[in-house]
């Protein structure tokens, strides 16, 4: 099972600064956490040598392309710096302290933010500092029927303590809808998003479209160019 080098809370990066947290003990999690992660391909994640994707916030013209090699925890970023100049950089996250300031303070926080939006179902299991609660069947925020309500809350340490993610999950353990509550003062404090546009990238199930609101304003996140390389192959398997 891959792990990131630190336990982390996340926020909607384009509006606020990402924070990191460390916890001293693992949280006991209900069975539904693993069931959800398995629905997205947890049992096959060890086969993944690399995953490629482009994160986009169309309304704000944010476009970031990543290649993550989870076994080496090596990241390649292609995009623009804060001055709008093209950037391409590759780094290993265990050696982050030796990287330039823009990698440590801009690029790597962007990677963590975008990777969580792509792979959050796995983090329900991977993140020892996340408390997961199964609240059973409840009405979805859109008012259209009921779904399994799962709450994921991060610890009280770090720059953005107490971030809480609520997920509404269908009978196939796929996420239908989420609500994010920021634990600190950074904005947005409340993000509501759908999980849709599902595609299969090799053994992984990926939601490529999130639509909703951030503090009441329309917001949309898209993932494109999604593909994986599996062990023993040099070929990219495109999401379909």
C-alpha atoms as a PDB file:
ATOM      1  CA  UNK A   1       0.000   0.000   0.000  1.00  0.00           C
ATOM      2  CA  UNK A   2       1.516   3.383  -0.941  1.00  0.00           C
ATOM      3  CA  UNK A   3       1.635   6.198   1.574  1.00  0.00           C
ATOM      4  CA  UNK A   4       2.476   9.847   1.230  1.00  0.00           C
ATOM      5  CA  UNK A   5       5.396  11.007   3.338  1.00  0.00           C
ATOM      6  CA  UNK A   6       3.202  12.899   5.791  1.00  0.00           C
ATOM      7  CA  UNK A   7      -0.393  12.739   6.971  1.00  0.00           C
ATOM      8  CA  UNK A   8      -2.207  15.693   5.467  1.00  0.00           C
ATOM      9  CA  UNK A   9      -5.359  17.712   5.595  1.00  0.00           C
ATOM     10  CA  UNK A  10      -6.394  19.394   2.382  1.00  0.00           C
ATOM     11  CA  UNK A  11      -8.329  22.371   1.235  1.00  0.00           C
ATOM     12  CA  UNK A  12      -9.541  23.799  -2.049  1.00  0.00           C
ATOM     13  CA  UNK A  13      -6.044  24.910  -3.016  1.00  0.00           C
ATOM     14  CA  UNK A  14      -6.967  27.581  -5.525  1.00  0.00           C
ATOM     15  CA  UNK A  15      -8.614  29.605  -2.765  1.00  0.00           C
ATOM     16  CA  UNK A  16      -6.436  28.750   0.223  1.00  0.00           C
ATOM     17  CA  UNK A  17      -3.070  27.384   1.262  1.00  0.00           C
ATOM     18  CA  UNK A  18      -2.707  23.664   1.778  1.00  0.00           C
ATOM     19  CA  UNK A  19      -1.686  22.521   5.262  1.00  0.00           C
ATOM     20  CA  UNK A  20       0.008  19.397   6.521  1.00  0.00           C
ATOM     21  CA  UNK A  21      -0.740  17.543   9.745  1.00  0.00           C
ATOM     22  CA  UNK A  22       0.958  14.782  11.665  1.00  0.00           C
ATOM     23  CA  UNK A  23      -0.880  12.501  14.064  1.00  0.00           C
ATOM     24  CA  UNK A  24       0.448  10.311  16.830  1.00  0.00           C
ATOM     25  CA  UNK A  25      -1.945   7.396  16.443  1.00  0.00           C
ATOM     26  CA  UNK A  26      -4.013   5.695  13.803  1.00  0.00           C
ATOM     27  CA  UNK A  27      -7.783   6.001  13.771  1.00  0.00           C
ATOM     28  CA  UNK A  28     -10.042   2.949  13.888  1.00  0.00           C
ATOM     29  CA  UNK A  29     -12.162   2.942  10.738  1.00  0.00           C
ATOM     30  CA  UNK A  30     -15.482   1.274   9.914  1.00  0.00           C
ATOM     31  CA  UNK A  31     -15.579  -1.444   7.222  1.00  0.00           C
ATOM     32  CA  UNK A  32     -17.217   0.927   4.737  1.00  0.00           C
ATOM     33  CA  UNK A  33     -13.929   2.848   4.306  1.00  0.00           C
ATOM     34  CA  UNK A  34     -12.203  -0.190   2.821  1.00  0.00           C
ATOM     35  CA  UNK A  35     -15.300  -1.171   0.865  1.00  0.00           C
ATOM     36  CA  UNK A  36     -15.345   2.218  -0.849  1.00  0.00           C
ATOM     37  CA  UNK A  37     -11.613   2.127  -1.533  1.00  0.00           C
ATOM     38  CA  UNK A  38     -11.927  -1.359  -3.021  1.00  0.00           C
ATOM     39  CA  UNK A  39     -14.712  -0.175  -5.330  1.00  0.00           C
ATOM     40  CA  UNK A  40     -12.172   2.285  -6.794  1.00  0.00           C
ATOM     41  CA  UNK A  41      -9.451  -0.355  -7.231  1.00  0.00           C
ATOM     42  CA  UNK A  42      -7.589  -0.500  -3.910  1.00  0.00           C
ATOM     43  CA  UNK A  43      -6.735  -4.193  -4.266  1.00  0.00           C
ATOM     44  CA  UNK A  44      -4.997  -3.503  -7.577  1.00  0.00           C
ATOM     45  CA  UNK A  45      -3.203  -0.290  -6.660  1.00  0.00           C
ATOM     46  CA  UNK A  46       0.034  -2.176  -6.104  1.00  0.00           C
ATOM     47  CA  UNK A  47       0.071  -2.853  -9.855  1.00  0.00           C
ATOM     48  CA  UNK A  48       0.272   0.865 -10.636  1.00  0.00           C
ATOM     49  CA  UNK A  49       3.743   2.081 -11.633  1.00  0.00           C
ATOM     50  CA  UNK A  50       2.553   5.531 -12.736  1.00  0.00           C
ATOM     51  CA  UNK A  51      -0.607   7.573 -13.012  1.00  0.00           C
ATOM     52  CA  UNK A  52      -0.986  10.635 -15.232  1.00  0.00           C
ATOM     53  CA  UNK A  53      -3.718  13.290 -15.110  1.00  0.00           C
ATOM     54  CA  UNK A  54      -4.504  16.940 -15.734  1.00  0.00           C
ATOM     55  CA  UNK A  55      -6.377  18.875 -13.044  1.00  0.00           C
ATOM     56  CA  UNK A  56      -8.453  21.812 -14.232  1.00  0.00           C
ATOM     57  CA  UNK A  57     -10.556  24.593 -12.708  1.00  0.00           C
ATOM     58  CA  UNK A  58     -11.968  25.952 -15.983  1.00  0.00           C
ATOM     59  CA  UNK A  59     -13.540  29.112 -14.578  1.00  0.00           C
ATOM     60  CA  UNK A  60     -10.200  30.236 -13.135  1.00  0.00           C
ATOM     61  CA  UNK A  61      -8.072  28.924 -16.020  1.00  0.00           C
ATOM     62  CA  UNK A  62      -6.094  26.644 -13.711  1.00  0.00           C
ATOM     63  CA  UNK A  63      -4.456  23.711 -15.508  1.00  0.00           C
ATOM     64  CA  UNK A  64      -1.915  21.394 -13.870  1.00  0.00           C
ATOM     65  CA  UNK A  65      -0.592  18.157 -15.385  1.00  0.00           C
ATOM     66  CA  UNK A  66       0.943  15.502 -13.147  1.00  0.00           C
ATOM     67  CA  UNK A  67       2.646  12.152 -13.421  1.00  0.00           C
ATOM     68  CA  UNK A  68       2.940  10.325 -10.103  1.00  0.00           C
ATOM     69  CA  UNK A  69       5.019   7.188  -9.655  1.00  0.00           C
ATOM     70  CA  UNK A  70       3.686   5.929  -6.306  1.00  0.00           C
ATOM     71  CA  UNK A  71       6.334   3.272  -5.610  1.00  0.00           C
ATOM     72  CA  UNK A  72       9.123   5.859  -5.797  1.00  0.00           C
ATOM     73  CA  UNK A  73       6.806   8.720  -4.757  1.00  0.00           C
ATOM     74  CA  UNK A  74       8.251  10.628  -7.709  1.00  0.00           C
ATOM     75  CA  UNK A  75       6.265  13.525  -9.162  1.00  0.00           C
ATOM     76  CA  UNK A  76       6.514  15.284 -12.519  1.00  0.00           C
ATOM     77  CA  UNK A  77       4.680  18.592 -12.891  1.00  0.00           C
ATOM     78  CA  UNK A  78       3.907  20.447 -16.104  1.00  0.00           C
ATOM     79  CA  UNK A  79       2.123  23.763 -15.941  1.00  0.00           C
ATOM     80  CA  UNK A  80       2.849  27.396 -15.169  1.00  0.00           C
ATOM     81  CA  UNK A  81       4.392  29.254 -12.271  1.00  0.00           C
ATOM     82  CA  UNK A  82       2.646  32.132 -10.517  1.00  0.00           C
ATOM     83  CA  UNK A  83       4.031  34.536 -13.143  1.00  0.00           C
ATOM     84  CA  UNK A  84       2.465  32.432 -15.886  1.00  0.00           C
ATOM     85  CA  UNK A  85       5.750  31.048 -17.250  1.00  0.00           C
ATOM     86  CA  UNK A  86       5.857  27.382 -18.372  1.00  0.00           C
ATOM     87  CA  UNK A  87       7.369  24.996 -15.832  1.00  0.00           C
ATOM     88  CA  UNK A  88       8.326  21.322 -15.958  1.00  0.00           C
ATOM     89  CA  UNK A  89       9.954  19.719 -12.939  1.00  0.00           C
ATOM     90  CA  UNK A  90      10.459  16.211 -11.553  1.00  0.00           C
ATOM     91  CA  UNK A  91      11.196  15.543  -7.876  1.00  0.00           C
ATOM     92  CA  UNK A  92      11.028  12.795  -5.262  1.00  0.00           C
ATOM     93  CA  UNK A  93       8.825  13.737  -2.339  1.00  0.00           C
ATOM     94  CA  UNK A  94      11.124  12.150   0.270  1.00  0.00           C
ATOM     95  CA  UNK A  95      13.753  14.667  -0.871  1.00  0.00           C
ATOM     96  CA  UNK A  96      11.414  17.642  -0.845  1.00  0.00           C
ATOM     97  CA  UNK A  97      13.505  19.627   1.657  1.00  0.00           C
ATOM     98  CA  UNK A  98      16.310  19.860  -0.906  1.00  0.00           C
ATOM     99  CA  UNK A  99      14.035  21.272  -3.601  1.00  0.00           C
ATOM    100  CA  UNK A 100      13.687  24.966  -4.592  1.00  0.00           C
ATOM    101  CA  UNK A 101      11.162  27.094  -2.749  1.00  0.00           C
ATOM    102  CA  UNK A 102       8.668  27.070  -5.603  1.00  0.00           C
ATOM    103  CA  UNK A 103       8.569  23.265  -5.499  1.00  0.00           C
ATOM    104  CA  UNK A 104       8.138  23.149  -1.725  1.00  0.00           C
ATOM    105  CA  UNK A 105       5.618  25.964  -1.399  1.00  0.00           C
ATOM    106  CA  UNK A 106       3.693  25.947  -4.691  1.00  0.00           C
ATOM    107  CA  UNK A 107       4.145  22.812  -6.784  1.00  0.00           C
ATOM    108  CA  UNK A 108       4.063  20.073  -4.140  1.00  0.00           C
ATOM    109  CA  UNK A 109       1.045  21.554  -2.307  1.00  0.00           C
ATOM    110  CA  UNK A 110      -0.672  21.661  -5.708  1.00  0.00           C
ATOM    111  CA  UNK A 111       0.191  18.013  -6.266  1.00  0.00           C
ATOM    112  CA  UNK A 112      -1.264  16.957  -2.913  1.00  0.00           C
ATOM    113  CA  UNK A 113      -4.445  18.959  -3.451  1.00  0.00           C
ATOM    114  CA  UNK A 114      -5.058  17.591  -6.946  1.00  0.00           C
ATOM    115  CA  UNK A 115      -4.098  14.020  -6.057  1.00  0.00           C
ATOM    116  CA  UNK A 116      -6.558  13.980  -3.153  1.00  0.00           C
ATOM    117  CA  UNK A 117      -9.376  15.138  -5.425  1.00  0.00           C
ATOM    118  CA  UNK A 118      -8.473  12.317  -7.823  1.00  0.00           C
ATOM    119  CA  UNK A 119      -7.836   9.521  -5.326  1.00  0.00           C
ATOM    120  CA  UNK A 120      -9.687  10.442  -2.125  1.00  0.00           C
ATOM    121  CA  UNK A 121     -11.391   7.012  -1.788  1.00  0.00           C
ATOM    122  CA  UNK A 122      -7.961   5.452  -1.210  1.00  0.00           C
ATOM    123  CA  UNK A 123      -7.042   8.056   1.386  1.00  0.00           C
ATOM    124  CA  UNK A 124      -9.953   6.885   3.519  1.00  0.00           C
ATOM    125  CA  UNK A 125      -7.798   3.795   4.123  1.00  0.00           C
ATOM    126  CA  UNK A 126      -4.266   5.144   3.650  1.00  0.00           C
ATOM    127  CA  UNK A 127      -4.433   8.155   5.991  1.00  0.00           C
ATOM    128  CA  UNK A 128      -3.861   7.090   9.592  1.00  0.00           C
ATOM    129  CA  UNK A 129      -4.895  10.512  10.865  1.00  0.00           C
ATOM    130  CA  UNK A 130      -8.338  10.454   9.253  1.00  0.00           C
ATOM    131  CA  UNK A 131     -11.316   9.526  11.440  1.00  0.00           C
ATOM    132  CA  UNK A 132     -14.039   7.869   9.347  1.00  0.00           C
ATOM    133  CA  UNK A 133     -17.650   7.634  10.566  1.00  0.00           C
ATOM    134  CA  UNK A 134     -20.436   5.655   8.927  1.00  0.00           C
ATOM    135  CA  UNK A 135     -23.689   7.512   9.617  1.00  0.00           C
ATOM    136  CA  UNK A 136     -25.892   5.124   7.648  1.00  0.00           C
ATOM    137  CA  UNK A 137     -28.554   6.066   5.112  1.00  0.00           C
ATOM    138  CA  UNK A 138     -29.437   9.763   5.035  1.00  0.00           C
ATOM    139  CA  UNK A 139     -30.940  12.250   2.593  1.00  0.00           C
ATOM    140  CA  UNK A 140     -28.439  13.606   0.091  1.00  0.00           C
ATOM    141  CA  UNK A 141     -27.858  17.403   0.162  1.00  0.00           C
ATOM    142  CA  UNK A 142     -29.557  17.797  -3.216  1.00  0.00           C
ATOM    143  CA  UNK A 143     -32.779  16.470  -1.703  1.00  0.00           C
ATOM    144  CA  UNK A 144     -33.041  13.670  -4.268  1.00  0.00           C
ATOM    145  CA  UNK A 145     -33.275  10.419  -2.333  1.00  0.00           C
ATOM    146  CA  UNK A 146     -30.954   8.850   0.237  1.00  0.00           C
ATOM    147  CA  UNK A 147     -27.405   7.531   0.213  1.00  0.00           C
ATOM    148  CA  UNK A 148     -24.853   6.142   2.663  1.00  0.00           C
ATOM    149  CA  UNK A 149     -23.428   9.111   4.570  1.00  0.00           C
ATOM    150  CA  UNK A 150     -19.698   8.812   5.367  1.00  0.00           C
ATOM    151  CA  UNK A 151     -17.824  11.514   7.294  1.00  0.00           C
ATOM    152  CA  UNK A 152     -14.018  11.805   7.091  1.00  0.00           C
ATOM    153  CA  UNK A 153     -12.422  14.226   9.559  1.00  0.00           C
ATOM    154  CA  UNK A 154      -8.758  15.119   9.905  1.00  0.00           C
ATOM    155  CA  UNK A 155      -6.869  15.923  13.103  1.00  0.00           C
ATOM    156  CA  UNK A 156      -6.471  19.049  15.162  1.00  0.00           C
ATOM    157  CA  UNK A 157      -2.866  19.805  14.171  1.00  0.00           C
ATOM    158  CA  UNK A 158      -1.345  21.580  11.185  1.00  0.00           C
ATOM    159  CA  UNK A 159      -2.215  24.699   9.195  1.00  0.00           C
ATOM    160  CA  UNK A 160      -5.794  23.681   8.425  1.00  0.00           C
ATOM    161  CA  UNK A 161      -6.958  21.613  11.412  1.00  0.00           C
ATOM    162  CA  UNK A 162     -10.272  19.847  11.506  1.00  0.00           C
ATOM    163  CA  UNK A 163     -11.056  19.722   7.786  1.00  0.00           C
ATOM    164  CA  UNK A 164     -14.133  17.540   7.302  1.00  0.00           C
ATOM    165  CA  UNK A 165     -15.308  15.744   4.190  1.00  0.00           C
ATOM    166  CA  UNK A 166     -18.810  14.285   3.973  1.00  0.00           C
ATOM    167  CA  UNK A 167     -19.480  11.728   1.248  1.00  0.00           C
ATOM    168  CA  UNK A 168     -22.800  10.343   0.033  1.00  0.00           C
ATOM    169  CA  UNK A 169     -22.264   6.882  -1.389  1.00  0.00           C
ATOM    170  CA  UNK A 170     -24.458   4.716  -3.625  1.00  0.00           C
ATOM    171  CA  UNK A 171     -25.195   0.987  -3.211  1.00  0.00           C
ATOM    172  CA  UNK A 172     -22.211   0.158  -5.469  1.00  0.00           C
ATOM    173  CA  UNK A 173     -19.905   2.074  -3.034  1.00  0.00           C
ATOM    174  CA  UNK A 174     -19.335   4.821  -5.588  1.00  0.00           C
ATOM    175  CA  UNK A 175     -19.343   8.376  -4.279  1.00  0.00           C
ATOM    176  CA  UNK A 176     -22.244  10.428  -5.605  1.00  0.00           C
ATOM    177  CA  UNK A 177     -21.818  13.709  -3.769  1.00  0.00           C
ATOM    178  CA  UNK A 178     -19.517  15.377  -1.260  1.00  0.00           C
ATOM    179  CA  UNK A 179     -19.564  18.312   1.142  1.00  0.00           C
ATOM    180  CA  UNK A 180     -16.285  19.841   2.358  1.00  0.00           C
ATOM    181  CA  UNK A 181     -16.083  21.938   5.549  1.00  0.00           C
ATOM    182  CA  UNK A 182     -12.883  23.863   6.122  1.00  0.00           C
ATOM    183  CA  UNK A 183     -11.639  23.493   9.706  1.00  0.00           C
ATOM    184  CA  UNK A 184      -9.830  26.850   9.736  1.00  0.00           C
ATOM    185  CA  UNK A 185     -10.431  30.369   8.485  1.00  0.00           C
ATOM    186  CA  UNK A 186      -9.213  29.872   4.908  1.00  0.00           C
ATOM    187  CA  UNK A 187     -11.695  30.059   2.062  1.00  0.00           C
ATOM    188  CA  UNK A 188     -13.778  28.515   0.748  1.00  0.00           C
ATOM    189  CA  UNK A 189     -15.262  27.327   4.024  1.00  0.00           C
ATOM    190  CA  UNK A 190     -17.914  25.166   2.356  1.00  0.00           C
ATOM    191  CA  UNK A 191     -17.584  23.236  -0.918  1.00  0.00           C
ATOM    192  CA  UNK A 192     -20.353  21.035  -2.332  1.00  0.00           C
ATOM    193  CA  UNK A 193     -19.525  18.845  -5.330  1.00  0.00           C
ATOM    194  CA  UNK A 194     -20.894  15.955  -7.357  1.00  0.00           C
ATOM    195  CA  UNK A 195     -18.779  12.929  -8.258  1.00  0.00           C
ATOM    196  CA  UNK A 196     -19.547  11.980 -11.845  1.00  0.00           C
ATOM    197  CA  UNK A 197     -17.959  11.315 -15.232  1.00  0.00           C
ATOM    198  CA  UNK A 198     -16.720   7.942 -14.066  1.00  0.00           C
ATOM    199  CA  UNK A 199     -14.078   6.225 -16.209  1.00  0.00           C
ATOM    200  CA  UNK A 200     -11.912   3.138 -15.842  1.00  0.00           C
ATOM    201  CA  UNK A 201      -8.127   3.649 -16.044  1.00  0.00           C
ATOM    202  CA  UNK A 202      -6.697   0.151 -16.003  1.00  0.00           C
ATOM    203  CA  UNK A 203      -7.733  -1.288 -12.615  1.00  0.00           C
ATOM    204  CA  UNK A 204      -8.662   2.128 -11.175  1.00  0.00           C
ATOM    205  CA  UNK A 205     -12.095   3.755 -11.189  1.00  0.00           C
ATOM    206  CA  UNK A 206     -11.815   7.537 -11.566  1.00  0.00           C
ATOM    207  CA  UNK A 207     -14.369  10.336 -11.233  1.00  0.00           C
ATOM    208  CA  UNK A 208     -13.349  12.875 -13.884  1.00  0.00           C
ATOM    209  CA  UNK A 209     -15.921  15.571 -13.124  1.00  0.00           C
ATOM    210  CA  UNK A 210     -16.953  17.421  -9.964  1.00  0.00           C
ATOM    211  CA  UNK A 211     -19.631  20.121 -10.236  1.00  0.00           C
ATOM    212  CA  UNK A 212     -21.160  22.263  -7.526  1.00  0.00           C
ATOM    213  CA  UNK A 213     -20.451  25.358  -5.453  1.00  0.00           C
ATOM    214  CA  UNK A 214     -17.687  26.878  -3.332  1.00  0.00           C
ATOM    215  CA  UNK A 215     -19.149  29.184  -0.685  1.00  0.00           C
ATOM    216  CA  UNK A 216     -22.229  29.496  -2.877  1.00  0.00           C
ATOM    217  CA  UNK A 217     -20.365  30.340  -6.086  1.00  0.00           C
ATOM    218  CA  UNK A 218     -20.471  27.920  -9.056  1.00  0.00           C
ATOM    219  CA  UNK A 219     -17.395  25.681  -9.187  1.00  0.00           C
ATOM    220  CA  UNK A 220     -16.199  22.808 -11.346  1.00  0.00           C
ATOM    221  CA  UNK A 221     -13.176  20.516 -11.287  1.00  0.00           C
ATOM    222  CA  UNK A 222     -12.307  18.303 -14.239  1.00  0.00           C
ATOM    223  CA  UNK A 223      -9.699  15.611 -14.796  1.00  0.00           C
ATOM    224  CA  UNK A 224      -8.497  14.876 -18.313  1.00  0.00           C
ATOM    225  CA  UNK A 225      -5.587  12.989 -19.875  1.00  0.00           C
ATOM    226  CA  UNK A 226      -6.027  10.311 -17.186  1.00  0.00           C
ATOM    227  CA  UNK A 227      -3.971   7.169 -17.761  1.00  0.00           C
ATOM    228  CA  UNK A 228      -1.977   4.566 -15.841  1.00  0.00           C
ATOM    229  CA  UNK A 229       1.058   2.383 -16.410  1.00  0.00           C
ATOM    230  CA  UNK A 230       0.900  -1.015 -14.762  1.00  0.00           C
ATOM    231  CA  UNK A 231       3.809  -3.167 -13.616  1.00  0.00           C
ATOM    232  CA  UNK A 232       5.746  -4.760 -16.461  1.00  0.00           C
ATOM    233  CA  UNK A 233       4.406  -2.436 -19.163  1.00  0.00           C
ATOM    234  CA  UNK A 234       5.724   0.777 -20.722  1.00  0.00           C
ATOM    235  CA  UNK A 235       2.361   1.584 -22.293  1.00  0.00           C
ATOM    236  CA  UNK A 236      -0.128   4.084 -20.926  1.00  0.00           C
ATOM    237  CA  UNK A 237      -3.663   2.739 -20.466  1.00  0.00           C
ATOM    238  CA  UNK A 238      -6.043   5.631 -21.121  1.00  0.00           C
ATOM    239  CA  UNK A 239      -9.150   6.129 -18.982  1.00  0.00           C
ATOM    240  CA  UNK A 240     -12.319   5.137 -20.829  1.00  0.00           C
END
